[in-house]
Amino acid sequence: MIKSNIRNIAIIAHVDHGKTTLVDGLLKQSGTFRENQATGERIMDSMDLERERGITIMAKNTAIWHDGVKINIVDTPGHADFGGEVERAISMVDGALLLVDASEGPLPQTRFVLKKALAVNLPIILVINKIDRSDARLQEVINEVYDLFIDLDANEHQIEFPIIYTNAKIGVAHRKLDDGSQNLAPLFGTILQTIPGPHADDAATPQFLVTNLDYDDYVGQLAIGRVKHGKLEMGKTYALCAEGNRISQVKFSALYNFKGLQRIQVDTVESGDIVVVAGVEGIRIGDTISDAENPKPLPRIHVDEPTVAMIFSVNNSPF
């Protein structure tokens, strides 16, 4: 069963290609922020290190609405160094925006994250950003992206991606450069047309896969993830399926949905949505929350082991 009222997407981009700026624009134009509201230049960067260096390390979650459809956006890291974050983000979504600078084209970190997305057969929307740059080379960049897809063994369906041209700084998107668009509506429309709704069944056995953790001084441990099937409700007892087939009984101190960058407390969360579960002590990334009497754990998230690469070259110095 495909749920048409939800879309879950990731944004793939190299550092400084405008990913966070684009998300800021989507938040504002969806009505999450008023146009005159002071939001800061980098809304989705919350860690001090991220704001200082202008990069995204932790995968962030936000939710916006367009034409009655909830769009969950996962802002992924642009560094291979944070590969575990990338893999966990990819596991939550059903499609991705590939954001590429109109001058620089696809760069190495773009390749790393895109490879992860293609491996799980996610549909891709190519977003060429910074089209106002004086050194923009649009057709060459598009050809470079096609070459990258071929190099990564993308299938025929994946290579037939839609292309959107954007100037994220002023919040404008175009399907064609001369279409006269004054906002990001073409991008919103392409997301709804290209990215499928999640395969989920509210009536099935509850399954919630933990993909990230946080902490709140008031409600305790927070587990962020996607409800694969079923519903989670306050007041009920569930099974926590941990590593090593360990199962324990748990209850929640709170349930949250995302609205913009905020967490909104609710009594029930539905399948297909990206949500937050609070108050489950000892919960870990990769654990499943399922039905207390008939638990069905989901496969744990596989994360590539850290690797170190070294190049040993012949010394060609004159000294």
C-alpha atoms as a PDB file:
ATOM      1  CA  MET A   1       0.000   0.000   0.000  1.00  0.00           C
ATOM      2  CA  ILE A   2       1.445   3.363  -1.079  1.00  0.00           C
ATOM      3  CA  LYS A   3       0.575   6.371   1.076  1.00  0.00           C
ATOM      4  CA  SER A   4       0.020   9.352  -1.199  1.00  0.00           C
ATOM      5  CA  ASN A   5      -0.092  11.926   1.618  1.00  0.00           C
ATOM      6  CA  ILE A   6       3.604  11.546   2.586  1.00  0.00           C
ATOM      7  CA  ARG A   7       6.926  11.963   0.778  1.00  0.00           C
ATOM      8  CA  ASN A   8      10.298  11.190   2.370  1.00  0.00           C
ATOM      9  CA  ILE A   9      13.304  12.710   0.592  1.00  0.00           C
ATOM     10  CA  ALA A  10      17.011  13.254   1.179  1.00  0.00           C
ATOM     11  CA  ILE A  11      19.183  16.032  -0.209  1.00  0.00           C
ATOM     12  CA  ILE A  12      22.543  14.979  -1.640  1.00  0.00           C
ATOM     13  CA  ALA A  13      25.142  17.682  -2.243  1.00  0.00           C
ATOM     14  CA  HIS A  14      28.822  18.497  -1.970  1.00  0.00           C
ATOM     15  CA  VAL A  15      29.862  20.974   0.695  1.00  0.00           C
ATOM     16  CA  ASP A  16      28.897  24.583  -0.151  1.00  0.00           C
ATOM     17  CA  HIS A  17      26.710  23.757  -3.156  1.00  0.00           C
ATOM     18  CA  GLY A  18      23.705  25.404  -1.487  1.00  0.00           C
ATOM     19  CA  LYS A  19      21.938  22.491   0.191  1.00  0.00           C
ATOM     20  CA  THR A  20      21.087  24.254   3.443  1.00  0.00           C
ATOM     21  CA  THR A  21      20.120  27.444   1.594  1.00  0.00           C
ATOM     22  CA  LEU A  22      17.699  25.474  -0.595  1.00  0.00           C
ATOM     23  CA  VAL A  23      16.091  23.820   2.433  1.00  0.00           C
ATOM     24  CA  ASP A  24      15.730  27.257   4.028  1.00  0.00           C
ATOM     25  CA  GLY A  25      13.855  28.414   0.915  1.00  0.00           C
ATOM     26  CA  LEU A  26      11.557  25.388   0.952  1.00  0.00           C
ATOM     27  CA  LEU A  27      10.751  26.038   4.610  1.00  0.00           C
ATOM     28  CA  LYS A  28       9.897  29.677   3.948  1.00  0.00           C
ATOM     29  CA  GLN A  29       7.837  29.113   0.780  1.00  0.00           C
ATOM     30  CA  SER A  30       5.863  26.263   2.332  1.00  0.00           C
ATOM     31  CA  GLY A  31       4.704  28.710   5.016  1.00  0.00           C
ATOM     32  CA  THR A  32       6.782  27.187   7.803  1.00  0.00           C
ATOM     33  CA  PHE A  33       8.525  30.536   8.253  1.00  0.00           C
ATOM     34  CA  ARG A  34       7.113  33.955   7.489  1.00  0.00           C
ATOM     35  CA  GLU A  35       9.053  35.926   4.894  1.00  0.00           C
ATOM     36  CA  ASN A  36       9.900  38.602   7.474  1.00  0.00           C
ATOM     37  CA  GLN A  37      10.806  36.138  10.230  1.00  0.00           C
ATOM     38  CA  ALA A  38      14.418  36.196  11.359  1.00  0.00           C
ATOM     39  CA  THR A  39      15.647  32.646  10.763  1.00  0.00           C
ATOM     40  CA  GLY A  40      19.388  32.972  10.404  1.00  0.00           C
ATOM     41  CA  GLU A  41      21.285  32.205   7.240  1.00  0.00           C
ATOM     42  CA  ARG A  42      21.672  28.499   7.937  1.00  0.00           C
ATOM     43  CA  ILE A  43      18.447  27.199   9.441  1.00  0.00           C
ATOM     44  CA  MET A  44      19.242  23.489   9.449  1.00  0.00           C
ATOM     45  CA  ASP A  45      22.785  23.714  10.815  1.00  0.00           C
ATOM     46  CA  SER A  46      22.497  23.470  14.592  1.00  0.00           C
ATOM     47  CA  MET A  47      25.818  22.155  15.853  1.00  0.00           C
ATOM     48  CA  ASP A  48      28.410  24.847  16.589  1.00  0.00           C
ATOM     49  CA  LEU A  49      30.949  23.136  14.339  1.00  0.00           C
ATOM     50  CA  GLU A  50      28.440  23.103  11.475  1.00  0.00           C
ATOM     51  CA  ARG A  51      27.728  26.815  11.698  1.00  0.00           C
ATOM     52  CA  GLU A  52      31.412  27.625  12.045  1.00  0.00           C
ATOM     53  CA  ARG A  53      32.517  25.628   9.015  1.00  0.00           C
ATOM     54  CA  GLY A  54      29.350  25.817   6.934  1.00  0.00           C
ATOM     55  CA  ILE A  55      29.000  22.053   6.644  1.00  0.00           C
ATOM     56  CA  THR A  56      26.392  19.500   7.667  1.00  0.00           C
ATOM     57  CA  ILE A  57      27.563  16.612   9.855  1.00  0.00           C
ATOM     58  CA  MET A  58      24.453  15.201  11.507  1.00  0.00           C
ATOM     59  CA  ALA A  59      21.485  14.270   9.352  1.00  0.00           C
ATOM     60  CA  LYS A  60      18.668  16.722  10.148  1.00  0.00           C
ATOM     61  CA  ASN A  61      14.945  16.241   9.800  1.00  0.00           C
ATOM     62  CA  THR A  62      12.322  18.761   8.866  1.00  0.00           C
ATOM     63  CA  ALA A  63       8.790  18.545   7.497  1.00  0.00           C
ATOM     64  CA  ILE A  64       6.863  20.847   5.208  1.00  0.00           C
ATOM     65  CA  TRP A  65       3.442  20.655   3.541  1.00  0.00           C
ATOM     66  CA  HIS A  66       2.572  21.266  -0.100  1.00  0.00           C
ATOM     67  CA  ASP A  67      -0.878  20.656  -1.611  1.00  0.00           C
ATOM     68  CA  GLY A  68      -1.892  18.630   1.427  1.00  0.00           C
ATOM     69  CA  VAL A  69       1.140  16.339   1.224  1.00  0.00           C
ATOM     70  CA  LYS A  70       3.649  16.121   4.063  1.00  0.00           C
ATOM     71  CA  ILE A  71       7.226  16.228   2.749  1.00  0.00           C
ATOM     72  CA  ASN A  72       9.824  14.963   5.221  1.00  0.00           C
ATOM     73  CA  ILE A  73      13.259  16.307   4.300  1.00  0.00           C
ATOM     74  CA  VAL A  74      16.434  14.662   5.550  1.00  0.00           C
ATOM     75  CA  ASP A  75      19.480  16.916   5.173  1.00  0.00           C
ATOM     76  CA  THR A  76      22.460  14.573   4.769  1.00  0.00           C
ATOM     77  CA  PRO A  77      26.181  15.154   5.375  1.00  0.00           C
ATOM     78  CA  GLY A  78      28.297  16.102   2.381  1.00  0.00           C
ATOM     79  CA  HIS A  79      31.399  14.300   3.629  1.00  0.00           C
ATOM     80  CA  ALA A  80      32.402  10.655   3.199  1.00  0.00           C
ATOM     81  CA  ASP A  81      33.917  11.030   6.678  1.00  0.00           C
ATOM     82  CA  PHE A  82      30.372  10.952   8.062  1.00  0.00           C
ATOM     83  CA  GLY A  83      29.360   7.862   6.096  1.00  0.00           C
ATOM     84  CA  GLY A  84      27.332   6.309   8.910  1.00  0.00           C
ATOM     85  CA  GLU A  85      25.118   9.393   8.986  1.00  0.00           C
ATOM     86  CA  VAL A  86      24.652   9.132   5.212  1.00  0.00           C
ATOM     87  CA  GLU A  87      23.600   5.493   5.281  1.00  0.00           C
ATOM     88  CA  ARG A  88      21.127   6.030   8.090  1.00  0.00           C
ATOM     89  CA  ALA A  89      19.582   9.010   6.300  1.00  0.00           C
ATOM     90  CA  ILE A  90      19.238   7.075   3.041  1.00  0.00           C
ATOM     91  CA  SER A  91      17.437   4.264   4.887  1.00  0.00           C
ATOM     92  CA  MET A  92      14.609   6.648   5.881  1.00  0.00           C
ATOM     93  CA  VAL A  93      13.704   8.053   2.454  1.00  0.00           C
ATOM     94  CA  ASP A  94      12.075   7.042  -0.837  1.00  0.00           C
ATOM     95  CA  GLY A  95      13.921   9.438  -3.137  1.00  0.00           C
ATOM     96  CA  ALA A  96      16.555  12.147  -3.249  1.00  0.00           C
ATOM     97  CA  LEU A  97      17.414  15.554  -4.640  1.00  0.00           C
ATOM     98  CA  LEU A  98      20.896  15.597  -6.173  1.00  0.00           C
ATOM     99  CA  LEU A  99      22.005  19.215  -5.754  1.00  0.00           C
ATOM    100  CA  VAL A 100      24.895  20.261  -7.991  1.00  0.00           C
ATOM    101  CA  ASP A 101      26.658  23.612  -8.430  1.00  0.00           C
ATOM    102  CA  ALA A 102      26.097  25.060 -11.927  1.00  0.00           C
ATOM    103  CA  SER A 103      29.814  25.771 -12.283  1.00  0.00           C
ATOM    104  CA  GLU A 104      31.612  23.117 -10.244  1.00  0.00           C
ATOM    105  CA  GLY A 105      29.455  20.151 -11.247  1.00  0.00           C
ATOM    106  CA  PRO A 106      29.396  16.854  -9.330  1.00  0.00           C
ATOM    107  CA  LEU A 107      32.340  16.513  -6.925  1.00  0.00           C
ATOM    108  CA  PRO A 108      33.798  13.518  -5.024  1.00  0.00           C
ATOM    109  CA  GLN A 109      31.545  13.656  -1.960  1.00  0.00           C
ATOM    110  CA  THR A 110      28.511  13.899  -4.248  1.00  0.00           C
ATOM    111  CA  ARG A 111      29.638  10.631  -5.801  1.00  0.00           C
ATOM    112  CA  PHE A 112      29.918   8.882  -2.430  1.00  0.00           C
ATOM    113  CA  VAL A 113      26.391   9.732  -1.261  1.00  0.00           C
ATOM    114  CA  LEU A 114      24.822   9.223  -4.707  1.00  0.00           C
ATOM    115  CA  LYS A 115      26.333   5.739  -4.881  1.00  0.00           C
ATOM    116  CA  LYS A 116      24.589   4.881  -1.602  1.00  0.00           C
ATOM    117  CA  ALA A 117      21.257   6.211  -2.924  1.00  0.00           C
ATOM    118  CA  LEU A 118      21.467   4.387  -6.259  1.00  0.00           C
ATOM    119  CA  ALA A 119      22.404   1.142  -4.501  1.00  0.00           C
ATOM    120  CA  VAL A 120      18.978   1.088  -2.827  1.00  0.00           C
ATOM    121  CA  ASN A 121      17.260   2.155  -6.073  1.00  0.00           C
ATOM    122  CA  LEU A 122      16.098   5.607  -4.969  1.00  0.00           C
ATOM    123  CA  PRO A 123      14.634   7.838  -7.717  1.00  0.00           C
ATOM    124  CA  ILE A 124      16.715  10.989  -8.168  1.00  0.00           C
ATOM    125  CA  ILE A 125      15.821  14.577  -9.100  1.00  0.00           C
ATOM    126  CA  LEU A 126      18.784  16.581 -10.421  1.00  0.00           C
ATOM    127  CA  VAL A 127      18.767  20.142  -9.054  1.00  0.00           C
ATOM    128  CA  ILE A 128      21.328  22.450 -10.660  1.00  0.00           C
ATOM    129  CA  ASN A 129      21.844  25.331  -8.240  1.00  0.00           C
ATOM    130  CA  LYS A 130      23.551  28.732  -8.480  1.00  0.00           C
ATOM    131  CA  ILE A 131      22.447  29.209 -12.087  1.00  0.00           C
ATOM    132  CA  ASP A 132      23.148  32.935 -11.662  1.00  0.00           C
ATOM    133  CA  ARG A 133      26.908  32.338 -11.504  1.00  0.00           C
ATOM    134  CA  SER A 134      28.831  34.104 -14.255  1.00  0.00           C
ATOM    135  CA  ASP A 135      30.849  30.933 -14.870  1.00  0.00           C
ATOM    136  CA  ALA A 136      27.822  28.602 -14.976  1.00  0.00           C
ATOM    137  CA  ARG A 137      28.168  25.804 -17.564  1.00  0.00           C
ATOM    138  CA  LEU A 138      24.794  24.120 -17.433  1.00  0.00           C
ATOM    139  CA  GLN A 139      24.964  21.644 -20.316  1.00  0.00           C
ATOM    140  CA  GLU A 140      28.461  20.501 -19.412  1.00  0.00           C
ATOM    141  CA  VAL A 141      27.398  19.904 -15.810  1.00  0.00           C
ATOM    142  CA  ILE A 142      24.348  17.915 -16.943  1.00  0.00           C
ATOM    143  CA  ASN A 143      26.602  15.748 -19.135  1.00  0.00           C
ATOM    144  CA  GLU A 144      28.977  15.224 -16.204  1.00  0.00           C
ATOM    145  CA  VAL A 145      26.062  14.040 -14.051  1.00  0.00           C
ATOM    146  CA  TYR A 146      24.952  11.592 -16.765  1.00  0.00           C
ATOM    147  CA  ASP A 147      28.528  10.279 -16.933  1.00  0.00           C
ATOM    148  CA  LEU A 148      28.557   9.890 -13.145  1.00  0.00           C
ATOM    149  CA  PHE A 149      25.311   7.892 -13.185  1.00  0.00           C
ATOM    150  CA  ILE A 150      26.694   5.597 -15.878  1.00  0.00           C
ATOM    151  CA  ASP A 151      29.944   5.179 -13.950  1.00  0.00           C
ATOM    152  CA  LEU A 152      27.940   4.183 -10.858  1.00  0.00           C
ATOM    153  CA  ASP A 153      26.009   1.540 -12.866  1.00  0.00           C
ATOM    154  CA  ALA A 154      22.660   3.307 -12.586  1.00  0.00           C
ATOM    155  CA  ASN A 155      19.816   1.515 -14.336  1.00  0.00           C
ATOM    156  CA  GLU A 156      17.821   2.975 -17.230  1.00  0.00           C
ATOM    157  CA  HIS A 157      15.020   4.201 -14.990  1.00  0.00           C
ATOM    158  CA  GLN A 158      17.439   5.996 -12.639  1.00  0.00           C
ATOM    159  CA  ILE A 159      19.222   7.754 -15.515  1.00  0.00           C
ATOM    160  CA  GLU A 160      15.943   9.232 -16.784  1.00  0.00           C
ATOM    161  CA  PHE A 161      15.896  11.824 -13.999  1.00  0.00           C
ATOM    162  CA  PRO A 162      14.047  15.164 -14.166  1.00  0.00           C
ATOM    163  CA  ILE A 163      16.172  18.326 -14.087  1.00  0.00           C
ATOM    164  CA  ILE A 164      15.335  21.465 -12.095  1.00  0.00           C
ATOM    165  CA  TYR A 165      17.359  24.697 -12.305  1.00  0.00           C
ATOM    166  CA  THR A 166      17.504  26.791  -9.131  1.00  0.00           C
ATOM    167  CA  ASN A 167      18.855  29.949  -7.599  1.00  0.00           C
ATOM    168  CA  ALA A 168      18.371  28.918  -3.974  1.00  0.00           C
ATOM    169  CA  LYS A 169      19.598  32.242  -2.620  1.00  0.00           C
ATOM    170  CA  ILE A 170      16.549  34.072  -4.011  1.00  0.00           C
ATOM    171  CA  GLY A 171      14.206  31.052  -3.854  1.00  0.00           C
ATOM    172  CA  VAL A 172      13.505  30.422  -7.550  1.00  0.00           C
ATOM    173  CA  ALA A 173      13.260  27.126  -9.461  1.00  0.00           C
ATOM    174  CA  HIS A 174      12.708  26.421 -13.172  1.00  0.00           C
ATOM    175  CA  ARG A 175      11.822  23.353 -15.207  1.00  0.00           C
ATOM    176  CA  LYS A 176      13.066  25.330 -18.204  1.00  0.00           C
ATOM    177  CA  LEU A 177      15.286  28.367 -17.874  1.00  0.00           C
ATOM    178  CA  ASP A 178      12.821  30.598 -19.736  1.00  0.00           C
ATOM    179  CA  ASP A 179       9.611  29.466 -17.992  1.00  0.00           C
ATOM    180  CA  GLY A 180       9.300  32.691 -15.978  1.00  0.00           C
ATOM    181  CA  SER A 181       8.990  30.998 -12.584  1.00  0.00           C
ATOM    182  CA  GLN A 182       9.193  33.347  -9.589  1.00  0.00           C
ATOM    183  CA  ASN A 183       9.341  30.752  -6.780  1.00  0.00           C
ATOM    184  CA  LEU A 184      10.147  27.130  -5.908  1.00  0.00           C
ATOM    185  CA  ALA A 185       6.783  25.741  -7.099  1.00  0.00           C
ATOM    186  CA  PRO A 186       8.393  23.764  -9.987  1.00  0.00           C
ATOM    187  CA  LEU A 187      10.581  21.951  -7.462  1.00  0.00           C
ATOM    188  CA  PHE A 188       7.656  21.197  -5.128  1.00  0.00           C
ATOM    189  CA  GLY A 189       5.667  19.826  -8.073  1.00  0.00           C
ATOM    190  CA  THR A 190       8.526  17.673  -9.336  1.00  0.00           C
ATOM    191  CA  ILE A 191       9.040  16.167  -5.869  1.00  0.00           C
ATOM    192  CA  LEU A 192       5.377  15.113  -5.676  1.00  0.00           C
ATOM    193  CA  GLN A 193       5.426  13.726  -9.236  1.00  0.00           C
ATOM    194  CA  THR A 194       8.760  11.881  -9.081  1.00  0.00           C
ATOM    195  CA  ILE A 195       9.227  10.640  -5.519  1.00  0.00           C
ATOM    196  CA  PRO A 196       6.748   7.886  -4.573  1.00  0.00           C
ATOM    197  CA  GLY A 197       4.879   7.792  -1.308  1.00  0.00           C
ATOM    198  CA  PRO A 198       6.091   5.228   1.234  1.00  0.00           C
ATOM    199  CA  HIS A 199       4.985   1.595   1.073  1.00  0.00           C
ATOM    200  CA  ALA A 200       3.269   1.324   4.433  1.00  0.00           C
ATOM    201  CA  ASP A 201       0.204  -0.198   6.075  1.00  0.00           C
ATOM    202  CA  ASP A 202      -1.363   1.355   9.176  1.00  0.00           C
ATOM    203  CA  ALA A 203      -3.151  -1.921   9.964  1.00  0.00           C
ATOM    204  CA  ALA A 204      -0.012  -4.092   9.931  1.00  0.00           C
ATOM    205  CA  THR A 205       2.216  -5.063  12.878  1.00  0.00           C
ATOM    206  CA  PRO A 206       3.995  -1.919  14.165  1.00  0.00           C
ATOM    207  CA  GLN A 207       7.627  -1.617  13.060  1.00  0.00           C
ATOM    208  CA  PHE A 208       9.748   1.441  13.853  1.00  0.00           C
ATOM    209  CA  LEU A 209      13.450   1.417  12.910  1.00  0.00           C
ATOM    210  CA  VAL A 210      15.744   3.683  14.940  1.00  0.00           C
ATOM    211  CA  THR A 211      18.139   5.611  12.689  1.00  0.00           C
ATOM    212  CA  ASN A 212      19.313   8.440  14.935  1.00  0.00           C
ATOM    213  CA  LEU A 213      19.427   9.412  18.610  1.00  0.00           C
ATOM    214  CA  ASP A 214      19.074  12.653  20.534  1.00  0.00           C
ATOM    215  CA  TYR A 215      18.470  13.665  24.130  1.00  0.00           C
ATOM    216  CA  ASP A 216      16.030  16.005  25.838  1.00  0.00           C
ATOM    217  CA  ASP A 217      16.420  17.058  29.478  1.00  0.00           C
ATOM    218  CA  TYR A 218      12.666  16.864  30.005  1.00  0.00           C
ATOM    219  CA  VAL A 219      11.602  13.599  28.294  1.00  0.00           C
ATOM    220  CA  GLY A 220      14.955  11.766  28.181  1.00  0.00           C
ATOM    221  CA  GLN A 221      16.339   9.654  25.348  1.00  0.00           C
ATOM    222  CA  LEU A 222      14.947  10.457  21.879  1.00  0.00           C
ATOM    223  CA  ALA A 223      14.914   7.915  19.052  1.00  0.00           C
ATOM    224  CA  ILE A 224      14.394   9.227  15.511  1.00  0.00           C
ATOM    225  CA  GLY A 225      13.326   6.978  12.665  1.00  0.00           C
ATOM    226  CA  ARG A 226      10.663   5.887  10.234  1.00  0.00           C
ATOM    227  CA  VAL A 227       7.532   3.922  11.034  1.00  0.00           C
ATOM    228  CA  LYS A 228       7.746   1.115   8.475  1.00  0.00           C
ATOM    229  CA  HIS A 229       4.292  -0.322   9.199  1.00  0.00           C
ATOM    230  CA  GLY A 230       1.518   0.027  11.736  1.00  0.00           C
ATOM    231  CA  LYS A 231       0.877   2.826  14.191  1.00  0.00           C
ATOM    232  CA  LEU A 232       2.532   3.763  17.469  1.00  0.00           C
ATOM    233  CA  GLU A 233       0.309   5.070  20.268  1.00  0.00           C
ATOM    234  CA  MET A 234       0.870   6.613  23.671  1.00  0.00           C
ATOM    235  CA  GLY A 235      -0.072   4.424  26.639  1.00  0.00           C
ATOM    236  CA  LYS A 236       0.552   1.111  24.885  1.00  0.00           C
ATOM    237  CA  THR A 237       3.328  -1.378  25.607  1.00  0.00           C
ATOM    238  CA  TYR A 238       5.703  -2.320  22.782  1.00  0.00           C
ATOM    239  CA  ALA A 239       8.663  -4.627  22.262  1.00  0.00           C
ATOM    240  CA  LEU A 240      12.157  -3.168  21.910  1.00  0.00           C
ATOM    241  CA  CYS A 241      14.104  -5.535  19.646  1.00  0.00           C
ATOM    242  CA  ALA A 242      17.779  -4.913  20.339  1.00  0.00           C
ATOM    243  CA  GLU A 243      20.980  -6.414  18.957  1.00  0.00           C
ATOM    244  CA  GLY A 244      21.529 -10.087  19.712  1.00  0.00           C
ATOM    245  CA  ASN A 245      17.791 -10.914  19.598  1.00  0.00           C
ATOM    246  CA  ARG A 246      17.263  -9.248  22.980  1.00  0.00           C
ATOM    247  CA  ILE A 247      13.634  -8.187  23.477  1.00  0.00           C
ATOM    248  CA  SER A 248      12.272  -6.027  26.294  1.00  0.00           C
ATOM    249  CA  GLN A 249       8.939  -4.355  27.043  1.00  0.00           C
ATOM    250  CA  VAL A 250       8.815  -0.557  26.758  1.00  0.00           C
ATOM    251  CA  LYS A 251       6.420   2.382  26.931  1.00  0.00           C
ATOM    252  CA  PHE A 252       6.890   5.899  25.569  1.00  0.00           C
ATOM    253  CA  SER A 253       7.039   9.088  27.592  1.00  0.00           C
ATOM    254  CA  ALA A 254       6.168  11.073  24.441  1.00  0.00           C
ATOM    255  CA  LEU A 255       5.670  10.797  20.667  1.00  0.00           C
ATOM    256  CA  TYR A 256       6.540  13.572  18.230  1.00  0.00           C
ATOM    257  CA  ASN A 257       5.967  14.503  14.602  1.00  0.00           C
ATOM    258  CA  PHE A 258       8.132  17.001  12.746  1.00  0.00           C
ATOM    259  CA  LYS A 259       6.669  20.334  11.672  1.00  0.00           C
ATOM    260  CA  GLY A 260       9.256  22.583  10.126  1.00  0.00           C
ATOM    261  CA  LEU A 261      12.257  22.252  12.414  1.00  0.00           C
ATOM    262  CA  GLN A 262      10.099  21.718  15.495  1.00  0.00           C
ATOM    263  CA  ARG A 263       8.962  18.539  17.193  1.00  0.00           C
ATOM    264  CA  ILE A 264       5.201  18.524  17.818  1.00  0.00           C
ATOM    265  CA  GLN A 265       3.914  16.188  20.552  1.00  0.00           C
ATOM    266  CA  VAL A 266       1.137  13.822  19.395  1.00  0.00           C
ATOM    267  CA  ASP A 267      -0.749  10.792  20.735  1.00  0.00           C
ATOM    268  CA  THR A 268      -0.394   8.624  17.604  1.00  0.00           C
ATOM    269  CA  VAL A 269       2.069   8.380  14.717  1.00  0.00           C
ATOM    270  CA  GLU A 270       1.243   6.634  11.453  1.00  0.00           C
ATOM    271  CA  SER A 271       3.136   4.331   9.134  1.00  0.00           C
ATOM    272  CA  GLY A 272       5.421   5.835   6.509  1.00  0.00           C
ATOM    273  CA  ASP A 273       6.168   8.918   8.603  1.00  0.00           C
ATOM    274  CA  ILE A 274       9.496  10.002  10.116  1.00  0.00           C
ATOM    275  CA  VAL A 275       8.894  10.513  13.827  1.00  0.00           C
ATOM    276  CA  VAL A 276      10.495  10.742  17.267  1.00  0.00           C
ATOM    277  CA  VAL A 277       9.951   8.321  20.152  1.00  0.00           C
ATOM    278  CA  ALA A 278      10.880   9.510  23.655  1.00  0.00           C
ATOM    279  CA  GLY A 279      11.692   7.890  26.963  1.00  0.00           C
ATOM    280  CA  VAL A 280      12.953   4.443  25.903  1.00  0.00           C
ATOM    281  CA  GLU A 281      16.093   3.916  27.970  1.00  0.00           C
ATOM    282  CA  GLY A 282      18.917   1.916  26.439  1.00  0.00           C
ATOM    283  CA  ILE A 283      17.614   2.212  22.881  1.00  0.00           C
ATOM    284  CA  ARG A 284      20.296   2.110  20.184  1.00  0.00           C
ATOM    285  CA  ILE A 285      20.594   2.914  16.491  1.00  0.00           C
ATOM    286  CA  GLY A 286      19.390  -0.086  14.470  1.00  0.00           C
ATOM    287  CA  ASP A 287      16.907  -1.282  17.117  1.00  0.00           C
ATOM    288  CA  THR A 288      13.281  -1.951  16.175  1.00  0.00           C
ATOM    289  CA  ILE A 289      10.187  -1.076  18.194  1.00  0.00           C
ATOM    290  CA  SER A 290       7.417  -3.543  17.365  1.00  0.00           C
ATOM    291  CA  ASP A 291       4.300  -5.246  18.685  1.00  0.00           C
ATOM    292  CA  ALA A 292       4.672  -6.483  22.270  1.00  0.00           C
ATOM    293  CA  GLU A 293       3.037  -9.873  21.651  1.00  0.00           C
ATOM    294  CA  ASN A 294       4.222 -10.521  18.094  1.00  0.00           C
ATOM    295  CA  PRO A 295       7.437  -8.538  17.552  1.00  0.00           C
ATOM    296  CA  LYS A 296       8.822  -8.368  14.017  1.00  0.00           C
ATOM    297  CA  PRO A 297      12.296  -6.776  14.073  1.00  0.00           C
ATOM    298  CA  LEU A 298      13.524  -5.061  10.924  1.00  0.00           C
ATOM    299  CA  PRO A 299      17.008  -5.764   9.490  1.00  0.00           C
ATOM    300  CA  ARG A 300      19.609  -3.672  11.272  1.00  0.00           C
ATOM    301  CA  ILE A 301      21.200  -0.820   9.306  1.00  0.00           C
ATOM    302  CA  HIS A 302      24.498  -1.803   7.720  1.00  0.00           C
ATOM    303  CA  VAL A 303      27.195   0.849   8.026  1.00  0.00           C
ATOM    304  CA  ASP A 304      30.503   0.538   6.184  1.00  0.00           C
ATOM    305  CA  GLU A 305      33.467   0.091   8.487  1.00  0.00           C
ATOM    306  CA  PRO A 306      35.827   3.091   8.747  1.00  0.00           C
ATOM    307  CA  THR A 307      38.751   2.834   6.330  1.00  0.00           C
ATOM    308  CA  VAL A 308      42.062   4.612   5.925  1.00  0.00           C
ATOM    309  CA  ALA A 309      43.551   5.118   2.454  1.00  0.00           C
ATOM    310  CA  MET A 310      47.219   5.919   1.868  1.00  0.00           C
ATOM    311  CA  ILE A 311      49.214   6.543  -1.295  1.00  0.00           C
ATOM    312  CA  PHE A 312      52.932   5.672  -1.342  1.00  0.00           C
ATOM    313  CA  SER A 313      54.708   7.399  -4.232  1.00  0.00           C
ATOM    314  CA  VAL A 314      58.280   7.328  -5.466  1.00  0.00           C
ATOM    315  CA  ASN A 315      60.263  10.319  -4.206  1.00  0.00           C
ATOM    316  CA  ASN A 316      60.972  12.462  -7.268  1.00  0.00           C
ATOM    317  CA  SER A 317      62.414  15.411  -5.353  1.00  0.00           C
ATOM    318  CA  PRO A 318      65.745  16.772  -6.693  1.00  0.00           C
ATOM    319  CA  PHE A 319      67.138  16.677  -3.137  1.00  0.00           C
END
